[in-house]
Amino acid sequence: MDLIAAVVWHWWIALLLVIGTVPLVIATIVGYFTKVVAPRYGPRQRRDPEAQDTDESS
């Protein structure tokens, strides 16, 4: 009977560890991209359609 309880608790502990670990890994990846990769390339520039029209007309 003790063996059955050990297996059940084993799966519950594994489930709790996965629930805690997956968001941590995702947050680490997002943090890496925002702090390391994004400054390398700078912010995105929005295209201004009016500015394109003036460039083409000159």
C-alpha atoms as a PDB file:
ATOM      1  CA  MET A   1       0.000   0.000   0.000  1.00  0.00           C
ATOM      2  CA  ASP A   2       2.873   2.389   0.702  1.00  0.00           C
ATOM      3  CA  LEU A   3       4.234   1.843  -2.794  1.00  0.00           C
ATOM      4  CA  ILE A   4       0.979   3.018  -4.384  1.00  0.00           C
ATOM      5  CA  ALA A   5       0.988   6.205  -2.304  1.00  0.00           C
ATOM      6  CA  ALA A   6       4.613   6.847  -3.257  1.00  0.00           C
ATOM      7  CA  VAL A   7       3.811   6.659  -6.961  1.00  0.00           C
ATOM      8  CA  VAL A   8       0.826   8.997  -6.596  1.00  0.00           C
ATOM      9  CA  TRP A   9       2.874  11.589  -4.709  1.00  0.00           C
ATOM     10  CA  HIS A  10       5.677  11.246  -7.207  1.00  0.00           C
ATOM     11  CA  TRP A  11       3.381  12.331 -10.041  1.00  0.00           C
ATOM     12  CA  TRP A  12       1.863  15.217  -8.064  1.00  0.00           C
ATOM     13  CA  ILE A  13       5.282  16.583  -7.151  1.00  0.00           C
ATOM     14  CA  ALA A  14       6.377  16.297 -10.777  1.00  0.00           C
ATOM     15  CA  LEU A  15       3.258  18.149 -11.901  1.00  0.00           C
ATOM     16  CA  LEU A  16       3.899  20.977  -9.432  1.00  0.00           C
ATOM     17  CA  LEU A  17       7.517  21.245 -10.542  1.00  0.00           C
ATOM     18  CA  VAL A  18       6.511  21.446 -14.206  1.00  0.00           C
ATOM     19  CA  ILE A  19       3.872  24.094 -13.486  1.00  0.00           C
ATOM     20  CA  GLY A  20       6.519  26.182 -11.738  1.00  0.00           C
ATOM     21  CA  THR A  21       9.359  25.548 -14.178  1.00  0.00           C
ATOM     22  CA  VAL A  22       7.668  26.184 -17.528  1.00  0.00           C
ATOM     23  CA  PRO A  23       6.755  29.839 -16.792  1.00  0.00           C
ATOM     24  CA  LEU A  24      10.237  30.400 -15.376  1.00  0.00           C
ATOM     25  CA  VAL A  25      11.872  29.146 -18.580  1.00  0.00           C
ATOM     26  CA  ILE A  26       9.538  31.253 -20.739  1.00  0.00           C
ATOM     27  CA  ALA A  27      10.229  34.346 -18.616  1.00  0.00           C
ATOM     28  CA  THR A  28      13.974  33.743 -18.911  1.00  0.00           C
ATOM     29  CA  ILE A  29      13.773  33.515 -22.708  1.00  0.00           C
ATOM     30  CA  VAL A  30      11.601  36.640 -22.981  1.00  0.00           C
ATOM     31  CA  GLY A  31      13.901  38.520 -20.612  1.00  0.00           C
ATOM     32  CA  TYR A  32      16.942  37.529 -22.669  1.00  0.00           C
ATOM     33  CA  PHE A  33      15.384  38.808 -25.865  1.00  0.00           C
ATOM     34  CA  THR A  34      14.228  42.080 -24.311  1.00  0.00           C
ATOM     35  CA  LYS A  35      17.472  42.872 -22.456  1.00  0.00           C
ATOM     36  CA  VAL A  36      20.138  41.447 -24.780  1.00  0.00           C
ATOM     37  CA  VAL A  37      18.826  41.073 -28.321  1.00  0.00           C
ATOM     38  CA  ALA A  38      16.439  44.039 -28.601  1.00  0.00           C
ATOM     39  CA  PRO A  39      19.007  46.753 -27.715  1.00  0.00           C
ATOM     40  CA  ARG A  40      21.315  45.384 -30.385  1.00  0.00           C
ATOM     41  CA  TYR A  41      18.796  46.150 -33.130  1.00  0.00           C
ATOM     42  CA  GLY A  42      17.091  49.193 -31.625  1.00  0.00           C
ATOM     43  CA  PRO A  43      13.389  50.049 -31.561  1.00  0.00           C
ATOM     44  CA  ARG A  44      11.232  49.467 -34.596  1.00  0.00           C
ATOM     45  CA  GLN A  45      10.416  52.520 -36.655  1.00  0.00           C
ATOM     46  CA  ARG A  46       6.840  53.005 -37.759  1.00  0.00           C
ATOM     47  CA  ARG A  47       6.530  53.952 -41.360  1.00  0.00           C
ATOM     48  CA  ASP A  48       4.775  57.228 -41.959  1.00  0.00           C
ATOM     49  CA  PRO A  49       2.779  57.073 -45.214  1.00  0.00           C
ATOM     50  CA  GLU A  50       2.941  60.859 -45.610  1.00  0.00           C
ATOM     51  CA  ALA A  51       6.712  60.812 -45.345  1.00  0.00           C
ATOM     52  CA  GLN A  52       6.882  58.229 -48.142  1.00  0.00           C
ATOM     53  CA  ASP A  53       4.720  60.414 -50.373  1.00  0.00           C
ATOM     54  CA  THR A  54       6.992  63.431 -49.905  1.00  0.00           C
ATOM     55  CA  ASP A  55      10.086  61.345 -50.603  1.00  0.00           C
ATOM     56  CA  GLU A  56       8.651  60.052 -53.863  1.00  0.00           C
ATOM     57  CA  SER A  57       7.485  63.458 -55.096  1.00  0.00           C
ATOM     58  CA  SER A  58      10.910  65.110 -54.787  1.00  0.00           C
END
